Protein backbone atom coordinates (compact mmCIF):
# COMPACT_ATOMS: atom_id res chain seq x y z
CA MET A 1 -25.49 -15.99 -15.25
CA VAL A 2 -24.74 -12.60 -15.36
CA CYS A 3 -25.50 -10.73 -18.26
CA ASN A 4 -24.22 -7.34 -17.70
CA PRO A 5 -21.50 -6.56 -20.35
CA LYS A 6 -19.05 -4.58 -17.80
CA PHE A 7 -19.61 -7.23 -14.91
CA ASN A 8 -18.55 -9.91 -17.26
CA LYS A 9 -15.76 -7.86 -18.46
CA CYS A 10 -14.54 -7.23 -14.96
CA ILE A 11 -14.49 -11.13 -14.21
CA ARG A 12 -12.71 -12.15 -17.53
CA ASN A 13 -10.33 -9.31 -16.55
CA LEU A 14 -9.62 -10.76 -13.08
CA ARG A 15 -9.11 -14.31 -14.24
CA SER A 16 -6.95 -12.87 -16.97
CA ASN A 17 -4.67 -10.90 -14.40
CA TYR A 18 -4.29 -13.73 -12.10
CA SER A 19 -3.42 -16.06 -14.97
CA LYS A 20 -0.88 -14.20 -15.75
CA MET A 21 0.81 -14.25 -12.14
CA GLY A 22 0.55 -18.50 -11.57
CA ILE A 23 -3.41 -18.86 -10.91
CA ILE A 24 -2.23 -22.79 -9.64
CA SER A 25 0.09 -21.32 -6.96
CA LEU A 26 -3.20 -18.74 -6.17
CA MET A 27 -5.37 -21.67 -6.11
CA THR A 28 -3.46 -24.38 -3.96
CA GLY A 29 -1.54 -22.08 -1.86
CA TRP A 30 1.95 -24.16 -2.75
CA PRO A 31 4.60 -22.04 -1.55
CA GLY A 32 7.17 -20.41 -4.18
CA PRO A 33 10.51 -19.57 -3.62
CA SER A 34 10.46 -17.76 -0.31
CA GLY A 35 8.93 -20.66 1.47
CA PHE A 36 5.64 -19.04 1.60
CA GLY A 37 2.28 -18.77 -0.63
CA SER A 38 -1.11 -17.46 -1.12
CA SER A 39 -2.20 -19.25 2.02
CA THR A 40 0.37 -18.37 4.36
CA THR A 41 -0.69 -15.49 7.22
CA ALA A 42 0.93 -12.74 8.75
CA GLU A 43 2.05 -14.58 11.86
CA GLN A 44 3.30 -17.17 9.72
CA VAL A 45 5.66 -15.11 7.64
CA THR A 46 6.91 -13.53 10.98
CA ALA A 47 7.20 -16.45 13.28
CA GLY A 48 10.57 -15.79 15.65
CA ILE A 49 11.29 -12.56 14.46
CA ASP A 50 12.01 -9.89 17.02
CA ALA A 51 10.97 -6.34 16.01
CA SER A 52 11.42 -4.96 19.35
CA ASP A 53 14.14 -2.56 18.18
CA LEU A 54 11.65 -1.17 15.31
CA THR A 55 9.47 1.45 15.29
CA VAL A 56 6.85 1.28 12.47
CA VAL A 57 4.14 4.02 10.63
CA ILE A 58 1.35 2.20 8.91
CA THR A 59 -1.50 4.36 7.11
CA GLY A 60 -4.86 2.76 7.32
CA GLY A 61 -4.06 0.53 10.17
CA ALA A 62 -7.24 0.75 12.01
CA SER A 63 -9.26 -1.51 9.58
CA GLY A 64 -9.00 -4.38 7.22
CA ILE A 65 -5.74 -5.68 6.19
CA GLY A 66 -3.96 -2.54 7.94
CA LEU A 67 -5.47 -3.46 11.25
CA GLU A 68 -4.19 -7.22 10.90
CA THR A 69 -0.69 -5.68 9.86
CA SER A 70 -0.50 -3.59 13.10
CA ARG A 71 -1.63 -6.31 15.16
CA VAL A 72 1.34 -8.61 13.97
CA LEU A 73 3.75 -6.18 13.84
CA ALA A 74 2.86 -4.96 17.88
CA LEU A 75 2.96 -8.99 18.68
CA ARG A 76 6.53 -9.10 17.41
CA GLY A 77 7.32 -6.31 19.35
CA ALA A 78 7.49 -3.36 17.13
CA HIS A 79 6.25 0.12 18.06
CA VAL A 80 3.45 1.00 16.15
CA ILE A 81 1.77 4.34 14.92
CA ILE A 82 -1.26 4.14 13.57
CA ALA A 83 -1.85 6.74 10.61
CA ALA A 84 -5.64 6.98 10.65
CA ARG A 85 -8.48 9.32 9.27
CA ASN A 86 -11.31 8.22 11.55
CA MET A 87 -9.74 8.31 15.29
CA GLU A 88 -12.61 6.61 17.07
CA ALA A 89 -12.16 3.82 14.70
CA ALA A 90 -8.45 3.81 15.43
CA LYS A 91 -9.22 3.80 19.23
CA GLU A 92 -11.31 0.77 18.91
CA ALA A 93 -8.82 -0.83 16.95
CA LYS A 94 -6.00 -0.04 19.56
CA GLN A 95 -8.04 -1.47 22.65
CA ASN A 96 -8.74 -4.63 20.66
CA ILE A 97 -5.01 -5.19 19.58
CA ILE A 98 -4.35 -4.62 23.41
CA LYS A 99 -7.01 -6.62 25.05
CA ASN A 100 -4.77 -9.78 23.54
CA ASN A 101 -1.60 -8.33 23.73
CA GLN A 102 -1.26 -6.03 26.50
CA ASN A 103 2.62 -5.76 25.88
CA ALA A 104 1.63 -4.22 22.41
CA ASN A 105 2.92 -0.83 21.87
CA ILE A 106 0.62 1.63 20.23
CA ASP A 107 0.26 5.32 19.43
CA LEU A 108 -2.60 7.00 17.25
CA LEU A 109 -1.98 9.95 15.17
CA GLN A 110 -4.88 11.34 12.74
CA LEU A 111 -4.34 11.35 8.82
CA ASP A 112 -6.36 12.39 5.91
CA LEU A 113 -4.36 11.35 2.97
CA SER A 114 -6.74 13.13 0.43
CA CYS A 115 -5.68 16.25 2.57
CA LEU A 116 -2.02 18.00 1.84
CA LYS A 117 -2.74 20.00 4.67
CA SER A 118 -3.51 16.98 6.91
CA VAL A 119 -0.63 15.07 5.87
CA LYS A 120 1.93 17.95 6.69
CA ALA A 121 0.11 18.03 10.14
CA PHE A 122 0.79 14.10 10.52
CA ALA A 123 4.49 14.52 9.71
CA ASP A 124 4.98 17.51 12.29
CA ASN A 125 3.01 15.56 14.97
CA PHE A 126 5.18 12.38 14.22
CA LEU A 127 8.44 14.39 14.04
CA ALA A 128 7.63 16.19 17.31
CA LEU A 129 7.59 12.82 19.08
CA ASN A 130 11.46 12.55 18.33
CA LEU A 131 11.22 8.88 17.81
CA PRO A 132 13.09 6.83 15.22
CA LEU A 133 11.36 5.35 12.13
CA ASN A 134 12.58 2.13 10.54
CA ILE A 135 9.63 1.16 8.51
CA LEU A 136 6.76 3.24 6.75
CA ILE A 137 3.77 1.18 5.43
CA ASN A 138 1.70 2.84 2.85
CA ASN A 139 -1.52 0.99 3.33
CA ALA A 140 -4.34 3.02 2.94
CA GLY A 141 -6.44 3.87 -0.02
CA ILE A 142 -9.79 4.24 -1.43
CA MET A 143 -11.16 1.88 -4.40
CA PHE A 144 -13.57 2.49 -7.26
CA CYS A 145 -15.10 5.91 -6.25
CA PRO A 146 -17.20 7.87 -7.97
CA TYR A 147 -15.37 10.87 -9.42
CA GLN A 148 -14.70 13.67 -7.08
CA LEU A 149 -11.90 15.95 -6.25
CA SER A 150 -10.01 16.30 -3.23
CA LYS A 151 -9.80 19.09 -0.93
CA ASP A 152 -6.88 19.96 -2.76
CA GLY A 153 -8.52 19.69 -6.26
CA ILE A 154 -6.87 16.60 -7.52
CA GLU A 155 -8.66 13.32 -8.64
CA MET A 156 -9.81 11.62 -5.32
CA GLN A 157 -8.17 8.15 -5.84
CA PHE A 158 -5.34 9.43 -7.33
CA ALA A 159 -4.67 11.91 -4.39
CA THR A 160 -5.58 9.72 -1.92
CA ASN A 161 -3.86 6.31 -3.05
CA HIS A 162 -0.72 7.96 -4.56
CA LEU A 163 -0.19 11.88 -3.95
CA GLY A 164 -0.81 11.61 -0.18
CA HIS A 165 1.57 8.97 0.40
CA PHE A 166 4.12 10.31 -1.94
CA TYR A 167 3.67 13.36 0.11
CA LEU A 168 4.13 11.90 3.24
CA THR A 169 6.95 9.51 2.26
CA ASN A 170 9.03 12.72 1.37
CA LEU A 171 8.14 14.45 4.68
CA LEU A 172 9.42 11.37 6.58
CA LEU A 173 12.36 10.27 4.59
CA ASP A 174 14.96 12.47 6.15
CA LYS A 175 14.17 10.90 9.64
CA MET A 176 14.20 7.43 8.15
CA LYS A 177 17.85 7.99 6.54
CA SER A 178 18.92 9.87 9.80
CA THR A 179 17.68 6.45 11.63
CA ALA A 180 19.09 3.82 9.48
CA SER A 181 22.65 5.52 9.51
CA ALA A 182 22.30 6.03 13.51
CA THR A 183 21.21 2.51 14.17
CA GLY A 184 22.48 0.43 11.06
CA ILE A 185 19.13 -1.26 10.74
CA GLU A 186 18.36 -1.20 6.96
CA GLY A 187 14.68 0.88 6.78
CA ARG A 188 11.93 -0.40 4.61
CA ILE A 189 9.10 1.40 2.87
CA VAL A 190 6.45 -0.53 1.57
CA ASN A 191 3.60 0.67 -0.94
CA LEU A 192 0.67 -1.42 -1.21
CA SER A 193 -0.22 -1.39 -4.84
CA SER A 194 -2.66 -4.13 -6.46
CA VAL A 195 -2.94 -6.37 -9.43
CA THR A 196 -5.13 -3.87 -10.54
CA HIS A 197 -2.24 -1.49 -11.65
CA LEU A 198 -2.49 -4.01 -15.06
CA ARG A 199 -5.85 -2.35 -16.03
CA THR A 200 -5.45 1.21 -16.40
CA TYR A 201 -5.75 4.17 -18.99
CA LYS A 202 -4.46 3.29 -22.32
CA GLU A 203 -1.36 5.53 -21.24
CA GLY A 204 -0.54 4.30 -18.17
CA ILE A 205 -1.10 7.74 -16.32
CA LYS A 206 -3.35 10.54 -17.42
CA PHE A 207 -0.66 13.04 -16.75
CA ASP A 208 -2.52 16.08 -19.13
CA ALA A 209 -6.05 15.02 -18.03
CA ILE A 210 -5.84 13.81 -14.03
CA ASN A 211 -8.87 15.41 -13.51
CA ASP A 212 -11.01 14.87 -16.81
CA LYS A 213 -14.40 14.18 -15.72
CA ASN A 214 -15.85 13.19 -19.00
CA SER A 215 -13.14 10.00 -19.17
CA TYR A 216 -13.21 9.19 -15.50
CA SER A 217 -13.67 5.30 -15.03
CA ASP A 218 -13.58 4.53 -11.51
CA LYS A 219 -11.84 0.90 -12.11
CA LEU A 220 -9.14 2.72 -14.72
CA ALA A 221 -8.64 5.74 -11.98
CA TYR A 222 -8.17 2.87 -9.27
CA GLY A 223 -5.71 1.21 -11.66
CA GLN A 224 -3.86 4.09 -12.33
CA SER A 225 -3.37 4.94 -8.82
CA LYS A 226 -2.07 1.47 -8.06
CA LEU A 227 0.59 1.67 -11.13
CA ALA A 228 1.45 5.27 -9.59
CA ASN A 229 2.46 3.17 -6.27
CA LEU A 230 4.44 0.62 -8.25
CA LEU A 231 6.17 3.55 -10.01
CA HIS A 232 6.83 5.97 -7.01
CA ALA A 233 8.41 2.81 -5.04
CA ASN A 234 10.41 2.08 -8.30
CA GLU A 235 11.97 5.55 -8.50
CA LEU A 236 12.34 6.21 -5.02
CA SER A 237 14.29 3.11 -4.91
CA ARG A 238 16.36 4.18 -7.63
CA LEU A 239 17.21 7.41 -6.45
CA LEU A 240 18.18 6.04 -2.40
CA LYS A 241 20.43 3.49 -4.32
CA GLU A 242 22.18 5.78 -6.03
CA GLU A 243 22.65 8.26 -2.90
CA GLY A 244 24.29 5.30 -0.71
CA ALA A 245 20.83 5.32 1.82
CA ASN A 246 20.29 2.35 3.94
CA ILE A 247 16.27 1.88 3.03
CA THR A 248 14.86 -0.37 0.57
CA VAL A 249 11.49 0.52 -0.95
CA ASN A 250 9.35 -2.39 -2.50
CA SER A 251 5.57 -2.64 -3.67
CA VAL A 252 3.37 -5.57 -2.88
CA HIS A 253 -0.21 -6.84 -4.08
CA PRO A 254 -2.01 -8.47 -1.16
CA GLY A 255 -4.58 -10.25 -2.73
CA LEU A 256 -8.36 -10.17 -2.93
CA ILE A 257 -9.88 -9.85 0.04
CA MET A 258 -13.12 -8.43 1.38
CA THR A 259 -12.91 -5.29 3.03
CA ASN A 260 -14.40 -1.90 3.69
CA LEU A 261 -12.27 -0.85 0.92
CA MET A 262 -14.86 -2.48 -1.53
CA LYS A 263 -17.64 -0.49 -0.09
CA HIS A 264 -18.33 1.69 -3.21
CA SER A 265 -18.88 -1.81 -5.42
CA LEU A 266 -19.73 -4.00 -2.53
CA ASN A 267 -22.71 -5.74 -4.43
CA LEU A 268 -20.40 -6.44 -7.60
CA MET A 269 -17.66 -7.74 -5.44
CA ARG A 270 -19.50 -10.18 -3.68
CA ILE A 271 -20.45 -11.93 -6.82
CA MET A 272 -17.35 -11.58 -8.02
CA LYS A 273 -16.12 -13.36 -4.77
CA LEU A 274 -18.74 -15.97 -5.59
CA LEU A 275 -17.54 -16.65 -8.94
CA THR A 276 -13.81 -16.25 -8.28
CA TYR A 277 -14.11 -17.83 -4.85
CA VAL A 278 -10.52 -19.88 -5.32
CA LEU A 279 -8.29 -16.13 -5.76
CA TRP A 280 -9.77 -14.74 -2.26
CA LYS A 281 -8.04 -14.53 0.75
CA ASN A 282 -8.92 -14.12 4.73
CA VAL A 283 -7.65 -10.82 6.14
CA PRO A 284 -4.51 -12.67 8.15
CA GLN A 285 -3.58 -14.05 4.50
CA GLY A 286 -4.07 -10.54 2.97
CA ALA A 287 -1.68 -9.09 5.38
CA ALA A 288 1.13 -11.93 4.95
CA THR A 289 2.95 -10.21 2.02
CA THR A 290 3.00 -6.54 3.46
CA CYS A 291 4.53 -8.27 6.89
CA TYR A 292 6.98 -10.37 5.06
CA VAL A 293 8.44 -7.39 3.14
CA ALA A 294 8.76 -5.21 6.13
CA LEU A 295 9.92 -7.21 8.34
CA HIS A 296 11.28 -10.95 6.69
CA PRO A 297 15.38 -11.13 7.01
CA SER A 298 15.49 -12.49 3.16
CA MET A 299 14.35 -9.32 2.15
CA LYS A 300 17.34 -7.47 3.46
CA GLY A 301 19.09 -5.39 0.68
CA ILE A 302 16.10 -6.36 -1.92
CA SER A 303 14.77 -3.16 -3.26
CA GLY A 304 12.52 -1.71 -6.34
CA LYS A 305 10.49 -5.10 -6.67
CA TYR A 306 7.01 -6.10 -6.65
CA PHE A 307 5.65 -9.26 -4.59
CA LEU A 308 2.49 -11.19 -4.84
CA ASP A 309 2.16 -13.93 -2.06
CA CYS A 310 5.47 -13.26 -0.38
CA ASN A 311 7.38 -13.96 -3.82
CA GLU A 312 8.55 -11.45 -6.33
CA TRP A 313 6.41 -11.10 -9.13
CA PRO A 314 6.62 -9.56 -12.58
CA ALA A 315 4.98 -6.10 -12.65
CA SER A 316 3.30 -4.21 -15.83
CA ASP A 317 5.40 -3.20 -18.94
CA PHE A 318 4.11 0.30 -17.65
CA ALA A 319 5.11 -0.31 -13.88
CA ARG A 320 8.76 -1.56 -15.07
CA ASP A 321 9.10 1.93 -17.30
CA PRO A 322 12.15 3.69 -15.60
CA LYS A 323 10.92 6.78 -17.70
CA LEU A 324 7.48 6.66 -16.78
CA ALA A 325 8.21 6.47 -13.27
CA LYS A 326 10.51 9.52 -13.33
CA LYS A 327 7.87 11.45 -15.45
CA LEU A 328 5.49 10.36 -12.51
CA TRP A 329 7.84 11.69 -9.90
CA ASP A 330 8.52 15.00 -11.55
CA TYR A 331 4.86 15.46 -12.24
CA SER A 332 3.93 14.76 -8.51
CA ASN A 333 6.41 17.29 -7.40
CA GLN A 334 5.04 19.58 -9.38
CA LEU A 335 1.32 18.68 -8.47
CA LEU A 336 2.49 19.01 -5.02
CA ASP A 337 4.22 22.56 -5.61
CA SER A 338 0.96 24.07 -7.39
CA ALA A 339 -1.41 22.51 -4.42
CA LEU A 340 0.66 23.71 -1.45
CA GLN A 341 0.86 27.07 -3.03
CA GLN A 342 -3.02 27.54 -3.52
CA ALA A 343 -3.64 26.07 0.30
């Protein structure tokens, strides 16, 4: 029996969060209304789908569930642009995909989401390729890292998981709109959130103390950034609907998967997996919900929703608060303006 109070609280929170989302279906893998469930893989949810007319940008597409997502989208014929911080790892990932799929159409571009200058450079480099853009998957992230500030002076988890993706999406949005308009194909934006959005600071987002070191909690800061992913998707979805743009925006929780994302608390995660093993997925299962929301025909026209195990699930009260979403949108733009002026 582990007697560390913080660890025991973490286990209780994990079980509590999953009980709110139907622990029976998670344990059994039984399909939900979509016909898919927690045991479904990315290949299964995309079976028979022809994505050869689609161009996809995926952040963090060279490792973990991002790599599996890249592999499966390429398998279905999509042109996949992997945005990666570590280009050596990205080159190796590309080679591994092509080894098993010689027809895979994959390009690599460097991106460090914690650095706004790098985000701008990535967007400029992608736009210079004069490619269409049908799908943007904001997949990359960091988790439970010790307190630190980004190059732009912003708390690292918030900077990487939310603000970098917020800025990237803004920079690529006109390309997505023009692609959807020219082709008639619905554009899709997928934000990878997490069930941990339920475990954030008491105010949801610490607008007045985003960089405060004294109140920093690596777990709550991660939950805050994942809540921000949901709020970002919901507000962008609202704005695009208002505009009449043919683009949907949704959020997903991929599930619990042991990947490099957990490197800052690997021992804790290993013990948690041992005690909650029925809730964990393998990587092909972890990539399923992303691929479902990005590609499946049944997702046409669905926007501003949160998905787990390829089925829609209720998000937290904070995540469904339109005023909080609007406040985060305005705050993120102000934060961007301030950081870019100082760069």
